[in-house]
Amino acid sequence: MKLDRRQILHLAAGAAALPTVSRLAWAQTYPSRPVRLVVGFPAGGVADLFARLVGHSLSERIGQSVIIENRVGAGSNLAAEGVVRATSDGYTLLYITSVNSYNTALYDNLSFDFVRDIAPIASVDLGVGVLVVHRSFPAKTMPEFIAYAKANPGKINMASGGIGSSQHLYGELFKTLAGVNMVHVPYRGGGPALIDLLAGQVPVMFDTLATSMEHIKAGRLRALAVTSDFRSKALPELPTIGEFVPSYEATGWQGVGAPRNTPVEVLDKLHSGINTCLADPKLGARIVELGYATFASSRAEFSKFVVEYTDKWAKVIRAANIKAG
């Protein structure tokens, strides 16, 4: 049978539309099996805790289990690399955090590009930091701390959870913008650093509010200011560092990402589900209780945020010549 030109064009158009129709039909049935959410940090840590909170809530929205898989190693790069190489079908997701952004500048030989290879799906929370000092430290307010640091250059030890940790980077940004010189003392994790701070072995730390909260409320540590550009609902009386040091702002973040080329219909479905989770007052209250702030956004807003955040901290890391140990 000989086809005329109109019939050929009609058949060609139909064939071209098949992948789109098939993809839409497939996306409408997604997910049809459990979804893995890979976390690059140990079970029991902050990222793991939030991933489980979000995963449990999300599973109720999408009708499938969200299985948390802890893949620890190489500063969370092992988990990221595994997800980057996974099939882009929405069944393997990565719990992404600010550490992924830091790692782009901290490590020279990564086999993937975080910004290029991971598609941000939805933001979850912003992690507020806090400048805390041992209760014996002479400064009782932020202006007093800045004045004391300027009067004692190189004499104040600043603890952190390790080279390139958020505590370290928040402190480096403060040193630059406030024009002070403090000595960085890296520990093998935030826990050991906090123990020595409580014991008075080191006097200063830019800690996460979540881990310092109970010690602040019990009077074991003195909080001077939060690192975010907004006051924390958990401790609303605390000022921000930015109220005394113009342009200072330092927050961590958490969210969910997928391998690039994951169908946009799947990304949209997951984004909608996670944002619905964040709108739940119980989950929102739990996030605030843990010293964080809920962070809901559109996919476009979150993608833009990740790019800008990664660029900002890459500049801080390079200026301070910080490399992962």
Protein backbone atom coordinates (compact mmCIF):
# COMPACT_ATOMS: atom_id res chain seq x y z
CA MET A 1 0.00 0.00 0.00
CA LYS A 2 1.34 3.37 -1.05
CA LEU A 3 0.95 6.20 1.48
CA ASP A 4 0.49 9.79 0.46
CA ARG A 5 2.46 12.64 2.02
CA ARG A 6 -0.30 13.58 4.46
CA GLN A 7 -0.56 10.02 5.81
CA ILE A 8 3.23 9.80 6.23
CA LEU A 9 3.33 13.06 8.18
CA HIS A 10 0.42 11.93 10.36
CA LEU A 11 2.15 8.65 11.20
CA ALA A 12 5.45 10.43 11.92
CA ALA A 13 3.75 12.87 14.28
CA GLY A 14 2.07 9.99 16.09
CA ALA A 15 5.34 8.12 16.48
CA ALA A 16 7.07 11.23 17.83
CA ALA A 17 4.32 11.68 20.41
CA LEU A 18 4.59 8.10 21.71
CA PRO A 19 7.55 8.68 24.08
CA THR A 20 5.79 11.66 25.66
CA VAL A 21 2.49 9.78 26.06
CA SER A 22 4.31 6.73 27.42
CA ARG A 23 6.30 8.86 29.86
CA LEU A 24 3.17 10.63 31.10
CA ALA A 25 1.35 7.34 31.55
CA TRP A 26 4.34 5.90 33.42
CA ALA A 27 4.61 8.99 35.64
CA GLN A 28 0.93 8.74 36.53
CA THR A 29 1.49 5.26 37.97
CA TYR A 30 4.68 6.30 39.82
CA PRO A 31 5.59 5.04 42.34
CA SER A 32 4.63 1.41 41.89
CA ARG A 33 7.25 0.07 44.30
CA PRO A 34 9.24 1.32 47.35
CA VAL A 35 11.51 4.34 46.94
CA ARG A 36 15.05 4.46 48.35
CA LEU A 37 16.23 7.66 50.02
CA VAL A 38 20.02 7.51 50.37
CA VAL A 39 21.60 9.40 53.29
CA GLY A 40 25.33 10.04 53.31
CA PHE A 41 25.57 10.18 57.10
CA PRO A 42 25.34 7.64 59.93
CA ALA A 43 22.07 6.50 61.45
CA GLY A 44 21.12 8.63 64.45
CA GLY A 45 22.65 11.84 63.11
CA VAL A 46 20.75 15.00 62.26
CA ALA A 47 20.49 14.31 58.52
CA ASP A 48 19.35 10.75 59.19
CA LEU A 49 16.74 11.96 61.68
CA PHE A 50 15.23 14.46 59.25
CA ALA A 51 15.39 12.01 56.35
CA ARG A 52 13.37 9.53 58.40
CA LEU A 53 10.84 12.18 59.43
CA VAL A 54 10.36 13.26 55.81
CA GLY A 55 10.47 9.71 54.47
CA HIS A 56 7.78 8.50 56.86
CA SER A 57 5.52 11.44 56.05
CA LEU A 58 6.15 11.18 52.30
CA SER A 59 5.34 7.47 52.22
CA GLU A 60 1.84 8.29 53.44
CA ARG A 61 1.40 10.77 50.57
CA ILE A 62 2.70 8.61 47.73
CA GLY A 63 1.33 5.25 48.87
CA GLN A 64 4.69 3.47 48.87
CA SER A 65 7.37 2.89 51.49
CA VAL A 66 10.32 5.26 51.52
CA ILE A 67 13.30 3.19 52.64
CA ILE A 68 16.21 5.05 54.26
CA GLU A 69 19.61 3.75 53.20
CA ASN A 70 22.66 5.05 55.06
CA ARG A 71 25.67 5.01 52.76
CA VAL A 72 28.46 6.57 54.78
CA GLY A 73 31.89 7.53 53.48
CA ALA A 74 34.09 10.24 51.95
CA GLY A 75 32.25 13.09 53.63
CA SER A 76 28.89 12.02 52.11
CA ASN A 77 30.40 11.89 48.60
CA LEU A 78 30.01 8.10 48.43
CA ALA A 79 26.23 8.41 48.75
CA ALA A 80 26.07 11.24 46.22
CA GLU A 81 28.18 9.33 43.69
CA GLY A 82 25.97 6.26 44.05
CA VAL A 83 22.80 8.22 43.38
CA VAL A 84 24.36 10.11 40.46
CA ARG A 85 25.05 6.73 38.82
CA ALA A 86 21.61 5.29 39.64
CA THR A 87 18.84 4.93 37.09
CA SER A 88 16.95 8.19 36.62
CA ASP A 89 13.53 6.72 37.37
CA GLY A 90 12.65 8.32 40.70
CA TYR A 91 13.21 5.17 42.74
CA THR A 92 16.64 6.20 44.05
CA LEU A 93 16.79 9.62 45.70
CA LEU A 94 19.48 11.47 47.65
CA TYR A 95 18.94 13.31 50.91
CA ILE A 96 20.95 16.39 50.02
CA THR A 97 22.40 18.89 52.49
CA SER A 98 24.65 21.92 52.62
CA VAL A 99 27.60 19.52 52.98
CA ASN A 100 27.10 18.54 49.33
CA SER A 101 27.57 22.19 48.41
CA TYR A 102 30.70 22.54 50.56
CA ASN A 103 32.23 19.41 49.05
CA THR A 104 32.33 20.93 45.56
CA ALA A 105 35.18 23.18 46.74
CA LEU A 106 36.63 21.03 49.53
CA TYR A 107 37.45 18.09 47.24
CA ASP A 108 39.51 18.43 44.06
CA ASN A 109 38.85 15.10 42.34
CA LEU A 110 35.16 14.31 42.63
CA SER A 111 33.87 12.03 39.88
CA PHE A 112 30.63 14.00 39.61
CA ASP A 113 29.39 17.59 39.62
CA PHE A 114 26.81 18.02 42.36
CA VAL A 115 25.08 21.04 40.80
CA ARG A 116 25.00 19.45 37.33
CA ASP A 117 24.30 15.82 38.21
CA ILE A 118 21.70 16.07 40.98
CA ALA A 119 18.28 17.57 40.29
CA PRO A 120 16.92 19.32 43.40
CA ILE A 121 13.39 18.11 44.13
CA ALA A 122 12.32 19.90 47.30
CA SER A 123 13.84 21.83 50.18
CA VAL A 124 13.03 20.67 53.72
CA ASP A 125 14.62 22.90 56.34
CA LEU A 126 17.18 25.54 57.17
CA GLY A 127 19.65 24.74 59.94
CA VAL A 128 20.34 27.64 62.26
CA GLY A 129 23.78 27.97 63.82
CA VAL A 130 24.60 29.73 67.07
CA LEU A 131 27.71 31.35 68.49
CA VAL A 132 28.14 29.80 71.92
CA VAL A 133 30.84 30.37 74.52
CA HIS A 134 31.79 28.65 77.75
CA ARG A 135 30.05 30.28 80.69
CA SER A 136 33.41 31.50 82.04
CA PHE A 137 34.12 33.50 78.87
CA PRO A 138 34.31 37.25 79.66
CA ALA A 139 32.04 38.46 76.82
CA LYS A 140 28.32 38.33 77.59
CA THR A 141 26.95 40.01 74.47
CA MET A 142 27.80 40.04 70.77
CA PRO A 143 29.33 43.56 70.83
CA GLU A 144 31.46 42.55 73.83
CA PHE A 145 32.59 39.40 71.99
CA ILE A 146 33.67 41.35 68.90
CA ALA A 147 35.52 43.91 71.03
CA TYR A 148 37.25 41.18 73.03
CA ALA A 149 38.26 39.26 69.89
CA LYS A 150 39.72 42.41 68.31
CA ALA A 151 41.64 43.17 71.49
CA ASN A 152 43.03 39.61 71.66
CA PRO A 153 44.02 38.60 68.12
CA GLY A 154 45.13 34.98 67.81
CA LYS A 155 44.36 34.23 71.46
CA ILE A 156 40.85 32.77 71.18
CA ASN A 157 40.49 29.10 70.24
CA MET A 158 37.45 28.29 68.09
CA ALA A 159 36.33 24.65 68.12
CA SER A 160 34.68 22.89 65.18
CA GLY A 161 33.59 19.43 64.12
CA GLY A 162 36.46 19.25 61.66
CA ILE A 163 38.07 20.96 58.69
CA GLY A 164 35.37 22.08 56.28
CA SER A 165 32.53 21.45 58.73
CA SER A 166 29.74 23.99 59.03
CA GLN A 167 31.14 25.11 62.41
CA HIS A 168 34.48 25.78 60.74
CA LEU A 169 33.03 27.62 57.74
CA TYR A 170 30.65 29.75 59.83
CA GLY A 171 33.64 30.79 61.93
CA GLU A 172 35.79 31.60 58.90
CA LEU A 173 33.06 33.80 57.45
CA PHE A 174 32.74 35.58 60.79
CA LYS A 175 36.49 36.15 61.04
CA THR A 176 36.52 37.74 57.59
CA LEU A 177 33.48 39.98 57.99
CA ALA A 178 34.14 40.99 61.62
CA GLY A 179 37.85 41.53 61.04
CA VAL A 180 39.01 39.30 63.89
CA ASN A 181 41.62 36.55 64.20
CA MET A 182 40.71 33.38 66.07
CA VAL A 183 42.54 30.05 66.06
CA HIS A 184 40.61 27.17 64.53
CA VAL A 185 40.74 23.94 66.55
CA PRO A 186 39.25 21.05 64.51
CA TYR A 187 37.88 17.96 66.26
CA ARG A 188 36.84 14.60 64.88
CA GLY A 189 33.18 15.49 64.87
CA GLY A 190 30.86 18.04 66.45
CA GLY A 191 30.19 15.82 69.47
CA PRO A 192 33.77 15.77 70.78
CA ALA A 193 34.10 19.52 70.10
CA LEU A 194 30.96 20.24 72.11
CA ILE A 195 32.19 18.07 75.00
CA ASP A 196 35.41 20.07 75.23
CA LEU A 197 33.50 23.34 74.99
CA LEU A 198 31.29 22.29 77.90
CA ALA A 199 34.40 21.31 79.86
CA GLY A 200 36.05 24.66 79.18
CA GLN A 201 38.90 23.18 77.15
CA VAL A 202 37.97 25.52 74.30
CA PRO A 203 35.99 28.74 74.83
CA VAL A 204 34.14 29.35 71.54
CA MET A 205 32.16 27.41 68.94
CA PHE A 206 29.81 28.17 66.06
CA ASP A 207 27.59 25.19 66.78
CA THR A 208 24.29 24.06 65.31
CA LEU A 209 21.42 25.32 67.43
CA ALA A 210 19.93 21.83 67.46
CA THR A 211 22.89 20.32 69.35
CA SER A 212 23.49 23.28 71.69
CA MET A 213 19.87 23.98 72.60
CA GLU A 214 19.60 21.91 75.77
CA HIS A 215 22.94 23.22 77.08
CA ILE A 216 21.90 26.81 76.41
CA LYS A 217 18.60 26.38 78.21
CA ALA A 218 20.32 24.64 81.14
CA GLY A 219 22.84 27.48 81.46
CA ARG A 220 25.84 25.29 80.67
CA LEU A 221 26.65 27.40 77.60
CA ARG A 222 26.10 31.08 76.87
CA ALA A 223 24.54 31.83 73.50
CA LEU A 224 25.46 35.21 72.01
CA ALA A 225 23.68 35.21 68.64
CA VAL A 226 22.33 33.00 65.88
CA THR A 227 24.04 32.76 62.50
CA SER A 228 20.90 33.04 60.34
CA ASP A 229 19.52 36.33 59.04
CA PHE A 230 16.33 35.72 61.02
CA ARG A 231 15.77 35.10 64.70
CA SER A 232 15.03 31.54 65.69
CA LYS A 233 11.54 30.69 66.88
CA ALA A 234 13.17 28.33 69.37
CA LEU A 235 15.15 31.16 71.05
CA PRO A 236 13.49 34.39 69.83
CA GLU A 237 15.32 36.57 72.34
CA LEU A 238 18.70 35.82 70.71
CA PRO A 239 19.83 38.43 68.15
CA THR A 240 21.38 37.52 64.81
CA ILE A 241 25.09 38.02 64.19
CA GLY A 242 24.09 40.09 61.18
CA GLU A 243 22.60 42.72 63.51
CA PHE A 244 26.19 43.53 64.52
CA VAL A 245 28.24 42.28 61.56
CA PRO A 246 26.70 43.54 58.29
CA SER A 247 26.19 40.90 55.56
CA TYR A 248 26.84 37.98 57.88
CA GLU A 249 24.49 35.07 57.24
CA ALA A 250 25.20 31.37 57.64
CA THR A 251 22.66 28.58 57.55
CA GLY A 252 22.71 24.96 56.61
CA TRP A 253 19.96 23.32 54.60
CA GLN A 254 18.49 19.95 53.82
CA GLY A 255 16.34 18.65 51.00
CA VAL A 256 15.78 15.84 48.53
CA GLY A 257 17.36 15.37 45.11
CA ALA A 258 17.37 12.86 42.27
CA PRO A 259 19.71 11.87 39.43
CA ARG A 260 19.60 14.35 36.57
CA ASN A 261 17.33 13.35 33.70
CA THR A 262 14.72 12.03 36.10
CA PRO A 263 11.37 12.74 34.36
CA VAL A 264 10.01 16.14 35.30
CA GLU A 265 6.60 14.58 35.99
CA VAL A 266 8.18 12.41 38.70
CA LEU A 267 10.10 15.34 40.16
CA ASP A 268 6.90 17.38 40.30
CA LYS A 269 4.99 14.57 42.00
CA LEU A 270 7.68 14.17 44.67
CA HIS A 271 7.96 17.93 45.13
CA SER A 272 4.24 18.21 45.70
CA GLY A 273 4.31 15.35 48.18
CA ILE A 274 7.19 16.79 50.21
CA ASN A 275 5.68 20.26 50.32
CA THR A 276 2.44 18.72 51.57
CA CYS A 277 4.47 17.04 54.31
CA LEU A 278 6.00 20.38 55.32
CA ALA A 279 2.53 21.93 55.54
CA ASP A 280 1.64 19.42 58.26
CA PRO A 281 1.67 21.40 61.56
CA LYS A 282 3.03 18.39 63.47
CA LEU A 283 6.07 18.03 61.21
CA GLY A 284 6.60 21.79 61.17
CA ALA A 285 6.50 21.95 64.97
CA ARG A 286 8.97 19.06 65.20
CA ILE A 287 11.39 20.83 62.86
CA VAL A 288 11.26 24.02 64.97
CA GLU A 289 11.58 22.01 68.18
CA LEU A 290 14.83 20.56 66.86
CA GLY A 291 16.23 24.05 66.29
CA TYR A 292 15.58 24.28 62.55
CA ALA A 293 13.20 26.28 60.36
CA THR A 294 10.91 24.80 57.72
CA PHE A 295 12.01 25.65 54.20
CA ALA A 296 9.36 25.12 51.54
CA SER A 297 9.95 26.41 48.03
CA SER A 298 9.18 25.75 44.37
CA ARG A 299 11.53 23.48 42.43
CA ALA A 300 12.85 26.45 40.49
CA GLU A 301 13.46 28.45 43.68
CA PHE A 302 15.25 25.53 45.33
CA SER A 303 17.45 24.92 42.28
CA LYS A 304 18.43 28.60 42.22
CA PHE A 305 19.10 28.52 45.97
CA VAL A 306 21.42 25.48 45.66
CA VAL A 307 23.45 27.13 42.88
CA GLU A 308 23.84 30.41 44.78
CA TYR A 309 24.60 28.70 48.09
CA THR A 310 27.24 26.48 46.51
CA ASP A 311 28.89 29.48 44.89
CA LYS A 312 28.85 31.54 48.11
CA TRP A 313 30.57 28.92 50.25
CA ALA A 314 33.00 27.92 47.51
CA LYS A 315 34.32 31.49 47.67
CA VAL A 316 34.67 31.30 51.47
CA ILE A 317 36.45 27.94 51.26
CA ARG A 318 38.86 29.06 48.56
CA ALA A 319 39.59 32.39 50.22
CA ALA A 320 40.53 30.56 53.43
CA ASN A 321 42.42 27.86 51.45
CA ILE A 322 40.48 25.05 53.14
CA LYS A 323 40.86 21.49 51.85
CA ALA A 324 39.24 18.31 53.12
CA GLY A 325 41.58 16.30 55.30
